[in-house]
């Protein structure tokens, strides 16, 4: 697959969702993230849907870190869902 380039409105919505999650970070909210994983050997990659508890948003590295250690690059996220977001947005 090729990586989808998000428009400004979609990127802004993802930023709002991350801000809500950051406020709830102490509760380690469960999130479902659809993100692009580049192929290490050739152009393109694949889209992955990952679900887990959010441990941290590392702003310097621009990654979401889940409790299980998975690191998801923020720039590769195309969709972000959580119960705590649905109640506030």
PDB file of N, CA and C in Angstrom:
ATOM      1  N   UNK A   1       0.830  -1.196   0.000  1.00  0.00           N
ATOM      2  CA  UNK A   1       0.000   0.000   0.000  1.00  0.00           C
ATOM      3  C   UNK A   1       0.865   1.247   0.000  1.00  0.00           C
ATOM      4  N   UNK A   2       0.296   2.308  -0.455  1.00  0.00           N
ATOM      5  CA  UNK A   2       0.939   3.623  -0.399  1.00  0.00           C
ATOM      6  C   UNK A   2       0.396   4.383   0.806  1.00  0.00           C
ATOM      7  N   UNK A   3       1.206   5.237   1.370  1.00  0.00           N
ATOM      8  CA  UNK A   3       0.792   6.033   2.516  1.00  0.00           C
ATOM      9  C   UNK A   3      -0.165   7.134   2.071  1.00  0.00           C
ATOM     10  N   UNK A   4      -1.276   7.273   2.776  1.00  0.00           N
ATOM     11  CA  UNK A   4      -2.268   8.307   2.495  1.00  0.00           C
ATOM     12  C   UNK A   4      -1.786   9.621   3.100  1.00  0.00           C
ATOM     13  N   UNK A   5      -1.841  10.684   2.317  1.00  0.00           N
ATOM     14  CA  UNK A   5      -1.524  12.016   2.832  1.00  0.00           C
ATOM     15  C   UNK A   5      -2.818  12.642   3.334  1.00  0.00           C
ATOM     16  N   UNK A   6      -2.859  12.989   4.615  1.00  0.00           N
ATOM     17  CA  UNK A   6      -4.062  13.537   5.220  1.00  0.00           C
ATOM     18  C   UNK A   6      -4.195  15.033   4.922  1.00  0.00           C
ATOM     19  N   UNK A   7      -5.443  15.486   4.762  1.00  0.00           N
ATOM     20  CA  UNK A   7      -5.666  16.919   4.556  1.00  0.00           C
ATOM     21  C   UNK A   7      -5.583  17.652   5.900  1.00  0.00           C
ATOM     22  N   UNK A   8      -5.573  18.973   5.848  1.00  0.00           N
ATOM     23  CA  UNK A   8      -5.399  19.782   7.059  1.00  0.00           C
ATOM     24  C   UNK A   8      -6.495  19.544   8.086  1.00  0.00           C
ATOM     25  N   UNK A   9      -7.741  19.405   7.643  1.00  0.00           N
ATOM     26  CA  UNK A   9      -8.853  19.198   8.568  1.00  0.00           C
ATOM     27  C   UNK A   9      -8.715  17.870   9.315  1.00  0.00           C
ATOM     28  N   UNK A  10      -8.351  16.829   8.599  1.00  0.00           N
ATOM     29  CA  UNK A  10      -8.181  15.517   9.220  1.00  0.00           C
ATOM     30  C   UNK A  10      -7.018  15.546  10.204  1.00  0.00           C
ATOM     31  N   UNK A  11      -5.918  16.175   9.827  1.00  0.00           N
ATOM     32  CA  UNK A  11      -4.752  16.284  10.709  1.00  0.00           C
ATOM     33  C   UNK A  11      -5.119  17.072  11.974  1.00  0.00           C
ATOM     34  N   UNK A  12      -5.903  18.158  11.817  1.00  0.00           N
ATOM     35  CA  UNK A  12      -6.334  18.964  12.964  1.00  0.00           C
ATOM     36  C   UNK A  12      -7.219  18.147  13.904  1.00  0.00           C
ATOM     37  N   UNK A  13      -8.090  17.312  13.340  1.00  0.00           N
ATOM     38  CA  UNK A  13      -8.948  16.457  14.159  1.00  0.00           C
ATOM     39  C   UNK A  13      -8.112  15.446  14.946  1.00  0.00           C
ATOM     40  N   UNK A  14      -7.122  14.861  14.306  1.00  0.00           N
ATOM     41  CA  UNK A  14      -6.230  13.931  15.010  1.00  0.00           C
ATOM     42  C   UNK A  14      -5.480  14.648  16.131  1.00  0.00           C
ATOM     43  N   UNK A  15      -5.061  15.877  15.890  1.00  0.00           N
ATOM     44  CA  UNK A  15      -4.381  16.666  16.925  1.00  0.00           C
ATOM     45  C   UNK A  15      -5.301  16.911  18.119  1.00  0.00           C
ATOM     46  N   UNK A  16      -6.580  17.220  17.858  1.00  0.00           N
ATOM     47  CA  UNK A  16      -7.544  17.418  18.949  1.00  0.00           C
ATOM     48  C   UNK A  16      -7.721  16.137  19.748  1.00  0.00           C
ATOM     49  N   UNK A  17      -7.798  15.027  19.058  1.00  0.00           N
ATOM     50  CA  UNK A  17      -7.963  13.742  19.746  1.00  0.00           C
ATOM     51  C   UNK A  17      -6.743  13.430  20.620  1.00  0.00           C
ATOM     52  N   UNK A  18      -5.560  13.719  20.118  1.00  0.00           N
ATOM     53  CA  UNK A  18      -4.346  13.503  20.914  1.00  0.00           C
ATOM     54  C   UNK A  18      -4.340  14.388  22.149  1.00  0.00           C
ATOM     55  N   UNK A  19      -4.822  15.620  22.017  1.00  0.00           N
ATOM     56  CA  UNK A  19      -4.871  16.533  23.156  1.00  0.00           C
ATOM     57  C   UNK A  19      -5.806  15.993  24.245  1.00  0.00           C
ATOM     58  N   UNK A  20      -6.952  15.444  23.847  1.00  0.00           N
ATOM     59  CA  UNK A  20      -7.876  14.844  24.809  1.00  0.00           C
ATOM     60  C   UNK A  20      -7.213  13.652  25.488  1.00  0.00           C
ATOM     61  N   UNK A  21      -6.540  12.825  24.714  1.00  0.00           N
ATOM     62  CA  UNK A  21      -5.854  11.662  25.290  1.00  0.00           C
ATOM     63  C   UNK A  21      -4.762  12.087  26.263  1.00  0.00           C
ATOM     64  N   UNK A  22      -4.066  13.151  25.944  1.00  0.00           N
ATOM     65  CA  UNK A  22      -3.009  13.647  26.826  1.00  0.00           C
ATOM     66  C   UNK A  22      -3.590  14.049  28.182  1.00  0.00           C
ATOM     67  N   UNK A  23      -4.790  14.634  28.174  1.00  0.00           N
ATOM     68  CA  UNK A  23      -5.450  15.004  29.423  1.00  0.00           C
ATOM     69  C   UNK A  23      -5.856  13.777  30.236  1.00  0.00           C
ATOM     70  N   UNK A  24      -6.092  12.658  29.572  1.00  0.00           N
ATOM     71  CA  UNK A  24      -6.550  11.427  30.222  1.00  0.00           C
ATOM     72  C   UNK A  24      -5.427  10.423  30.449  1.00  0.00           C
ATOM     73  N   UNK A  25      -4.189  10.813  30.175  1.00  0.00           N
ATOM     74  CA  UNK A  25      -3.062   9.875  30.132  1.00  0.00           C
ATOM     75  C   UNK A  25      -2.862   9.122  31.447  1.00  0.00           C
ATOM     76  N   UNK A  26      -3.160   9.748  32.569  1.00  0.00           N
ATOM     77  CA  UNK A  26      -2.955   9.085  33.863  1.00  0.00           C
ATOM     78  C   UNK A  26      -3.857   7.862  34.034  1.00  0.00           C
ATOM     79  N   UNK A  27      -4.966   7.828  33.285  1.00  0.00           N
ATOM     80  CA  UNK A  27      -5.888   6.694  33.348  1.00  0.00           C
ATOM     81  C   UNK A  27      -5.528   5.589  32.350  1.00  0.00           C
ATOM     82  N   UNK A  28      -4.481   5.798  31.580  1.00  0.00           N
ATOM     83  CA  UNK A  28      -4.064   4.861  30.535  1.00  0.00           C
ATOM     84  C   UNK A  28      -5.257   4.378  29.699  1.00  0.00           C
ATOM     85  N   UNK A  29      -5.882   5.324  28.976  1.00  0.00           N
ATOM     86  CA  UNK A  29      -7.080   4.964  28.202  1.00  0.00           C
ATOM     87  C   UNK A  29      -6.778   3.947  27.109  1.00  0.00           C
ATOM     88  N   UNK A  30      -7.764   3.103  26.842  1.00  0.00           N
ATOM     89  CA  UNK A  30      -7.620   2.154  25.737  1.00  0.00           C
ATOM     90  C   UNK A  30      -7.882   2.908  24.437  1.00  0.00           C
ATOM     91  N   UNK A  31      -7.009   2.694  23.470  1.00  0.00           N
ATOM     92  CA  UNK A  31      -7.125   3.357  22.175  1.00  0.00           C
ATOM     93  C   UNK A  31      -7.049   2.327  21.056  1.00  0.00           C
ATOM     94  N   UNK A  32      -7.631   2.687  19.928  1.00  0.00           N
ATOM     95  CA  UNK A  32      -7.488   1.918  18.693  1.00  0.00           C
ATOM     96  C   UNK A  32      -6.928   2.872  17.655  1.00  0.00           C
ATOM     97  N   UNK A  33      -5.790   2.499  17.079  1.00  0.00           N
ATOM     98  CA  UNK A  33      -5.067   3.355  16.154  1.00  0.00           C
ATOM     99  C   UNK A  33      -4.899   2.641  14.816  1.00  0.00           C
ATOM    100  N   UNK A  34      -5.244   3.329  13.740  1.00  0.00           N
ATOM    101  CA  UNK A  34      -4.935   2.841  12.398  1.00  0.00           C
ATOM    102  C   UNK A  34      -3.740   3.652  11.928  1.00  0.00           C
ATOM    103  N   UNK A  35      -2.665   2.945  11.565  1.00  0.00           N
ATOM    104  CA  UNK A  35      -1.430   3.636  11.201  1.00  0.00           C
ATOM    105  C   UNK A  35      -0.698   2.896  10.102  1.00  0.00           C
ATOM    106  N   UNK A  36       0.142   3.663   9.411  1.00  0.00           N
ATOM    107  CA  UNK A  36       0.903   3.147   8.282  1.00  0.00           C
ATOM    108  C   UNK A  36       2.271   2.669   8.762  1.00  0.00           C
ATOM    109  N   UNK A  37       2.614   1.434   8.438  1.00  0.00           N
ATOM    110  CA  UNK A  37       3.929   0.888   8.770  1.00  0.00           C
ATOM    111  C   UNK A  37       4.701   0.726   7.451  1.00  0.00           C
ATOM    112  N   UNK A  38       5.729   1.575   7.242  1.00  0.00           N
ATOM    113  CA  UNK A  38       6.502   1.474   6.003  1.00  0.00           C
ATOM    114  C   UNK A  38       7.216   0.128   5.893  1.00  0.00           C
ATOM    115  N   UNK A  39       7.352  -0.343   4.677  1.00  0.00           N
ATOM    116  CA  UNK A  39       8.114  -1.561   4.413  1.00  0.00           C
ATOM    117  C   UNK A  39       9.601  -1.200   4.444  1.00  0.00           C
ATOM    118  N   UNK A  40      10.384  -1.956   5.180  1.00  0.00           N
ATOM    119  CA  UNK A  40      11.810  -1.655   5.336  1.00  0.00           C
ATOM    120  C   UNK A  40      12.609  -1.953   4.069  1.00  0.00           C
ATOM    121  N   UNK A  41      12.074  -2.798   3.171  1.00  0.00           N
ATOM    122  CA  UNK A  41      12.850  -3.239   2.024  1.00  0.00           C
ATOM    123  C   UNK A  41      12.411  -2.647   0.685  1.00  0.00           C
ATOM    124  N   UNK A  42      11.192  -2.096   0.636  1.00  0.00           N
ATOM    125  CA  UNK A  42      10.718  -1.557  -0.638  1.00  0.00           C
ATOM    126  C   UNK A  42       9.768  -0.390  -0.378  1.00  0.00           C
ATOM    127  N   UNK A  43       9.413   0.309  -1.450  1.00  0.00           N
ATOM    128  CA  UNK A  43       8.456   1.406  -1.326  1.00  0.00           C
ATOM    129  C   UNK A  43       7.109   0.872  -0.855  1.00  0.00           C
ATOM    130  N   UNK A  44       6.377   1.737  -0.171  1.00  0.00           N
ATOM    131  CA  UNK A  44       5.055   1.348   0.298  1.00  0.00           C
ATOM    132  C   UNK A  44       5.124   0.790   1.708  1.00  0.00           C
ATOM    133  N   UNK A  45       4.118   0.040   2.061  1.00  0.00           N
ATOM    134  CA  UNK A  45       4.017  -0.546   3.395  1.00  0.00           C
ATOM    135  C   UNK A  45       2.622  -1.095   3.573  1.00  0.00           C
ATOM    136  N   UNK A  46       2.161  -1.090   4.821  1.00  0.00           N
ATOM    137  CA  UNK A  46       0.824  -1.613   5.087  1.00  0.00           C
ATOM    138  C   UNK A  46       0.183  -0.822   6.218  1.00  0.00           C
ATOM    139  N   UNK A  47      -1.143  -0.872   6.244  1.00  0.00           N
ATOM    140  CA  UNK A  47      -1.891  -0.239   7.318  1.00  0.00           C
ATOM    141  C   UNK A  47      -2.183  -1.272   8.394  1.00  0.00           C
ATOM    142  N   UNK A  48      -1.984  -0.864   9.631  1.00  0.00           N
ATOM    143  CA  UNK A  48      -2.161  -1.740  10.777  1.00  0.00           C
ATOM    144  C   UNK A  48      -3.167  -1.092  11.725  1.00  0.00           C
ATOM    145  N   UNK A  49      -4.017  -1.905  12.325  1.00  0.00           N
ATOM    146  CA  UNK A  49      -4.914  -1.441  13.372  1.00  0.00           C
ATOM    147  C   UNK A  49      -4.421  -2.055  14.671  1.00  0.00           C
ATOM    148  N   UNK A  50      -4.051  -1.201  15.611  1.00  0.00           N
ATOM    149  CA  UNK A  50      -3.531  -1.641  16.899  1.00  0.00           C
ATOM    150  C   UNK A  50      -4.429  -1.124  18.015  1.00  0.00           C
ATOM    151  N   UNK A  51      -4.702  -1.980  18.986  1.00  0.00           N
ATOM    152  CA  UNK A  51      -5.498  -1.600  20.144  1.00  0.00           C
ATOM    153  C   UNK A  51      -4.696  -1.893  21.400  1.00  0.00           C
ATOM    154  N   UNK A  52      -4.712  -0.953  22.333  1.00  0.00           N
ATOM    155  CA  UNK A  52      -4.015  -1.152  23.591  1.00  0.00           C
ATOM    156  C   UNK A  52      -4.202   0.052  24.496  1.00  0.00           C
ATOM    157  N   UNK A  53      -3.581  -0.004  25.647  1.00  0.00           N
ATOM    158  CA  UNK A  53      -3.660   1.094  26.611  1.00  0.00           C
ATOM    159  C   UNK A  53      -2.512   2.066  26.372  1.00  0.00           C
ATOM    160  N   UNK A  54      -2.857   3.348  26.314  1.00  0.00           N
ATOM    161  CA  UNK A  54      -1.874   4.396  26.057  1.00  0.00           C
ATOM    162  C   UNK A  54      -1.089   4.687  27.332  1.00  0.00           C
ATOM    163  N   UNK A  55       0.210   4.527  27.248  1.00  0.00           N
ATOM    164  CA  UNK A  55       1.076   4.794  28.396  1.00  0.00           C
ATOM    165  C   UNK A  55       1.603   6.221  28.370  1.00  0.00           C
ATOM    166  N   UNK A  56       1.974   6.683  27.172  1.00  0.00           N
ATOM    167  CA  UNK A  56       2.656   7.972  27.083  1.00  0.00           C
ATOM    168  C   UNK A  56       2.585   8.514  25.662  1.00  0.00           C
ATOM    169  N   UNK A  57       2.578   9.835  25.549  1.00  0.00           N
ATOM    170  CA  UNK A  57       2.775  10.494  24.260  1.00  0.00           C
ATOM    171  C   UNK A  57       4.132  11.175  24.357  1.00  0.00           C
ATOM    172  N   UNK A  58       5.100  10.670  23.607  1.00  0.00           N
ATOM    173  CA  UNK A  58       6.457  11.219  23.641  1.00  0.00           C
ATOM    174  C   UNK A  58       6.549  12.271  22.541  1.00  0.00           C
ATOM    175  N   UNK A  59       6.443  13.536  22.955  1.00  0.00           N
ATOM    176  CA  UNK A  59       6.356  14.615  21.973  1.00  0.00           C
ATOM    177  C   UNK A  59       7.664  14.846  21.228  1.00  0.00           C
ATOM    178  N   UNK A  60       8.793  14.680  21.901  1.00  0.00           N
ATOM    179  CA  UNK A  60      10.081  14.909  21.232  1.00  0.00           C
ATOM    180  C   UNK A  60      10.301  13.897  20.101  1.00  0.00           C
ATOM    181  N   UNK A  61       9.952  12.635  20.359  1.00  0.00           N
ATOM    182  CA  UNK A  61      10.106  11.582  19.344  1.00  0.00           C
ATOM    183  C   UNK A  61       8.886  11.472  18.439  1.00  0.00           C
ATOM    184  N   UNK A  62       7.799  12.191  18.791  1.00  0.00           N
ATOM    185  CA  UNK A  62       6.555  12.158  18.023  1.00  0.00           C
ATOM    186  C   UNK A  62       6.016  10.732  17.883  1.00  0.00           C
ATOM    187  N   UNK A  63       5.874  10.049  19.035  1.00  0.00           N
ATOM    188  CA  UNK A  63       5.319   8.697  19.038  1.00  0.00           C
ATOM    189  C   UNK A  63       4.316   8.537  20.180  1.00  0.00           C
ATOM    190  N   UNK A  64       3.343   7.653  19.946  1.00  0.00           N
ATOM    191  CA  UNK A  64       2.469   7.181  21.015  1.00  0.00           C
ATOM    192  C   UNK A  64       3.098   5.899  21.531  1.00  0.00           C
ATOM    193  N   UNK A  65       3.167   5.746  22.839  1.00  0.00           N
ATOM    194  CA  UNK A  65       3.742   4.539  23.426  1.00  0.00           C
ATOM    195  C   UNK A  65       2.646   3.830  24.200  1.00  0.00           C
ATOM    196  N   UNK A  66       2.394   2.580  23.829  1.00  0.00           N
ATOM    197  CA  UNK A  66       1.385   1.790  24.508  1.00  0.00           C
ATOM    198  C   UNK A  66       2.018   1.032  25.668  1.00  0.00           C
ATOM    199  N   UNK A  67       1.180   0.558  26.587  1.00  0.00           N
ATOM    200  CA  UNK A  67       1.657  -0.162  27.768  1.00  0.00           C
ATOM    201  C   UNK A  67       2.495  -1.381  27.378  1.00  0.00           C
ATOM    202  N   UNK A  68       2.138  -2.034  26.263  1.00  0.00           N
ATOM    203  CA  UNK A  68       2.882  -3.229  25.830  1.00  0.00           C
ATOM    204  C   UNK A  68       4.204  -2.890  25.137  1.00  0.00           C
ATOM    205  N   UNK A  69       4.544  -1.585  25.047  1.00  0.00           N
ATOM    206  CA  UNK A  69       5.820  -1.174  24.465  1.00  0.00           C
ATOM    207  C   UNK A  69       5.750  -0.769  23.003  1.00  0.00           C
ATOM    208  N   UNK A  70       4.621  -0.984  22.359  1.00  0.00           N
ATOM    209  CA  UNK A  70       4.483  -0.600  20.947  1.00  0.00           C
ATOM    210  C   UNK A  70       4.624   0.907  20.816  1.00  0.00           C
ATOM    211  N   UNK A  71       5.444   1.336  19.864  1.00  0.00           N
ATOM    212  CA  UNK A  71       5.667   2.758  19.586  1.00  0.00           C
ATOM    213  C   UNK A  71       5.082   3.063  18.212  1.00  0.00           C
ATOM    214  N   UNK A  72       4.100   3.970  18.176  1.00  0.00           N
ATOM    215  CA  UNK A  72       3.414   4.300  16.938  1.00  0.00           C
ATOM    216  C   UNK A  72       3.770   5.740  16.558  1.00  0.00           C
ATOM    217  N   UNK A  73       4.431   5.934  15.420  1.00  0.00           N
ATOM    218  CA  UNK A  73       4.779   7.293  14.983  1.00  0.00           C
ATOM    219  C   UNK A  73       3.525   8.133  14.733  1.00  0.00           C
ATOM    220  N   UNK A  74       3.446   9.289  15.373  1.00  0.00           N
ATOM    221  CA  UNK A  74       2.275  10.148  15.255  1.00  0.00           C
ATOM    222  C   UNK A  74       2.024  10.538  13.801  1.00  0.00           C
ATOM    223  N   UNK A  75       3.058  10.794  13.041  1.00  0.00           N
ATOM    224  CA  UNK A  75       2.896  11.194  11.643  1.00  0.00           C
ATOM    225  C   UNK A  75       2.335  10.107  10.743  1.00  0.00           C
ATOM    226  N   UNK A  76       2.331   8.861  11.223  1.00  0.00           N
ATOM    227  CA  UNK A  76       1.818   7.744  10.427  1.00  0.00           C
ATOM    228  C   UNK A  76       0.387   7.357  10.794  1.00  0.00           C
ATOM    229  N   UNK A  77      -0.206   8.054  11.778  1.00  0.00           N
ATOM    230  CA  UNK A  77      -1.560   7.734  12.233  1.00  0.00           C
ATOM    231  C   UNK A  77      -2.578   8.341  11.266  1.00  0.00           C
ATOM    232  N   UNK A  78      -3.558   7.508  10.873  1.00  0.00           N
ATOM    233  CA  UNK A  78      -4.634   8.005  10.013  1.00  0.00           C
ATOM    234  C   UNK A  78      -5.977   7.997  10.726  1.00  0.00           C
ATOM    235  N   UNK A  79      -6.088   7.245  11.820  1.00  0.00           N
ATOM    236  CA  UNK A  79      -7.325   7.206  12.589  1.00  0.00           C
ATOM    237  C   UNK A  79      -7.005   6.877  14.040  1.00  0.00           C
ATOM    238  N   UNK A  80      -7.734   7.524  14.960  1.00  0.00           N
ATOM    239  CA  UNK A  80      -7.475   7.368  16.391  1.00  0.00           C
ATOM    240  C   UNK A  80      -8.815   7.373  17.109  1.00  0.00           C
ATOM    241  N   UNK A  81      -9.122   6.278  17.797  1.00  0.00           N
ATOM    242  CA  UNK A  81     -10.401   6.137  18.500  1.00  0.00           C
ATOM    243  C   UNK A  81     -10.173   5.744  19.945  1.00  0.00           C
ATOM    244  N   UNK A  82     -11.084   6.196  20.816  1.00  0.00           N
ATOM    245  CA  UNK A  82     -11.076   5.818  22.221  1.00  0.00           C
ATOM    246  C   UNK A  82     -12.415   6.200  22.827  1.00  0.00           C
ATOM    247  N   UNK A  83     -12.863   5.445  23.821  1.00  0.00           N
ATOM    248  CA  UNK A  83     -14.110   5.783  24.510  1.00  0.00           C
ATOM    249  C   UNK A  83     -14.032   7.173  25.126  1.00  0.00           C
ATOM    250  N   UNK A  84     -12.874   7.529  25.683  1.00  0.00           N
ATOM    251  CA  UNK A  84     -12.743   8.838  26.345  1.00  0.00           C
ATOM    252  C   UNK A  84     -12.828   9.982  25.331  1.00  0.00           C
ATOM    253  N   UNK A  85     -12.507   9.727  24.088  1.00  0.00           N
ATOM    254  CA  UNK A  85     -12.631  10.764  23.046  1.00  0.00           C
ATOM    255  C   UNK A  85     -14.094  10.924  22.646  1.00  0.00           C
ATOM    256  N   UNK A  86     -14.783   9.816  22.491  1.00  0.00           N
ATOM    257  CA  UNK A  86     -16.185   9.864  22.055  1.00  0.00           C
ATOM    258  C   UNK A  86     -17.034  10.704  22.992  1.00  0.00           C
ATOM    259  N   UNK A  87     -16.737  10.658  24.271  1.00  0.00           N
ATOM    260  CA  UNK A  87     -17.524  11.418  25.235  1.00  0.00           C
ATOM    261  C   UNK A  87     -17.238  12.905  25.233  1.00  0.00           C
ATOM    262  N   UNK A  88     -16.116  13.328  24.682  1.00  0.00           N
ATOM    263  CA  UNK A  88     -15.719  14.731  24.762  1.00  0.00           C
ATOM    264  C   UNK A  88     -15.708  15.480  23.442  1.00  0.00           C
ATOM    265  N   UNK A  89     -15.648  14.784  22.331  1.00  0.00           N
ATOM    266  CA  UNK A  89     -15.602  15.465  21.018  1.00  0.00           C
ATOM    267  C   UNK A  89     -16.901  15.257  20.253  1.00  0.00           C
TER     268      UNK A  89
END
